[in-house]
Amino acid sequence: MSSSNGGHRLYGEDAVTALRVIKAVQRLGFTLEEVAELLEAGRHRHGHPPPASRNEPRRSSPT
């Protein structure tokens, strides 16, 4: 990941868009797990491959 001259991290447009979506749906009351499912469904629907981290086994959350 690159940084600005001031040392701030620089993110790509896709990352910024994903973060905005995440924060918006969290404000609507969705859990992070639900947000992840929505993002995955959106990527699948629009033909984007999932990020490498999505190929790793998911940890189950305590119930």
Protein backbone atom coordinates (compact mmCIF):
# COMPACT_ATOMS: atom_id res chain seq x y z
CA MET A 1 0.00 0.00 0.00
CA SER A 2 1.35 3.41 -0.86
CA SER A 3 1.45 6.51 1.29
CA SER A 4 1.13 10.21 0.67
CA ASN A 5 4.01 12.61 1.27
CA GLY A 6 2.46 13.31 4.66
CA GLY A 7 2.52 9.61 5.57
CA HIS A 8 -1.20 8.98 5.13
CA ARG A 9 -2.26 5.69 3.55
CA LEU A 10 -3.63 5.93 0.04
CA TYR A 11 -6.52 3.63 -0.86
CA GLY A 12 -7.87 2.73 -4.27
CA GLU A 13 -11.31 3.80 -5.41
CA ASP A 14 -12.75 0.28 -4.89
CA ALA A 15 -11.54 0.20 -1.27
CA VAL A 16 -12.99 3.64 -0.55
CA THR A 17 -16.33 2.65 -2.08
CA ALA A 18 -16.42 -0.59 -0.05
CA LEU A 19 -15.67 1.30 3.17
CA ARG A 20 -18.45 3.81 2.46
CA VAL A 21 -20.91 0.98 1.83
CA ILE A 22 -19.82 -0.80 5.01
CA LYS A 23 -20.30 2.30 7.16
CA ALA A 24 -23.65 3.12 5.54
CA VAL A 25 -25.15 -0.32 6.11
CA GLN A 26 -23.76 -0.45 9.65
CA ARG A 27 -25.68 2.77 10.36
CA LEU A 28 -28.78 0.94 9.12
CA GLY A 29 -28.21 -1.73 11.76
CA PHE A 30 -26.54 -4.51 9.77
CA THR A 31 -23.90 -6.62 11.53
CA LEU A 32 -20.40 -6.97 10.08
CA GLU A 33 -21.23 -10.55 9.11
CA GLU A 34 -24.30 -9.35 7.21
CA VAL A 35 -22.24 -6.59 5.58
CA ALA A 36 -19.68 -9.18 4.44
CA GLU A 37 -22.46 -11.28 2.92
CA LEU A 38 -23.87 -8.24 1.10
CA LEU A 39 -20.45 -7.27 -0.27
CA GLU A 40 -19.79 -10.84 -1.40
CA ALA A 41 -23.17 -11.04 -3.10
CA GLY A 42 -22.51 -7.73 -4.84
CA ARG A 43 -19.11 -8.87 -6.07
CA HIS A 44 -20.56 -12.12 -7.34
CA ARG A 45 -23.41 -10.34 -9.11
CA HIS A 46 -21.09 -7.84 -10.77
CA GLY A 47 -18.47 -10.41 -11.77
CA HIS A 48 -15.71 -9.26 -9.43
CA PRO A 49 -13.59 -12.02 -7.94
CA PRO A 50 -13.56 -12.08 -4.15
CA PRO A 51 -10.44 -10.75 -2.42
CA ALA A 52 -7.80 -13.33 -1.50
CA SER A 53 -8.76 -13.15 2.17
CA ARG A 54 -12.25 -14.44 1.29
CA ASN A 55 -10.70 -17.72 0.14
CA GLU A 56 -9.48 -18.40 3.67
CA PRO A 57 -11.71 -20.44 5.97
CA ARG A 58 -14.13 -18.29 7.92
CA ARG A 59 -14.20 -18.44 11.69
CA SER A 60 -17.59 -19.09 13.16
CA SER A 61 -18.78 -16.45 15.58
CA PRO A 62 -19.88 -17.46 19.05
CA THR A 63 -23.65 -17.64 19.44
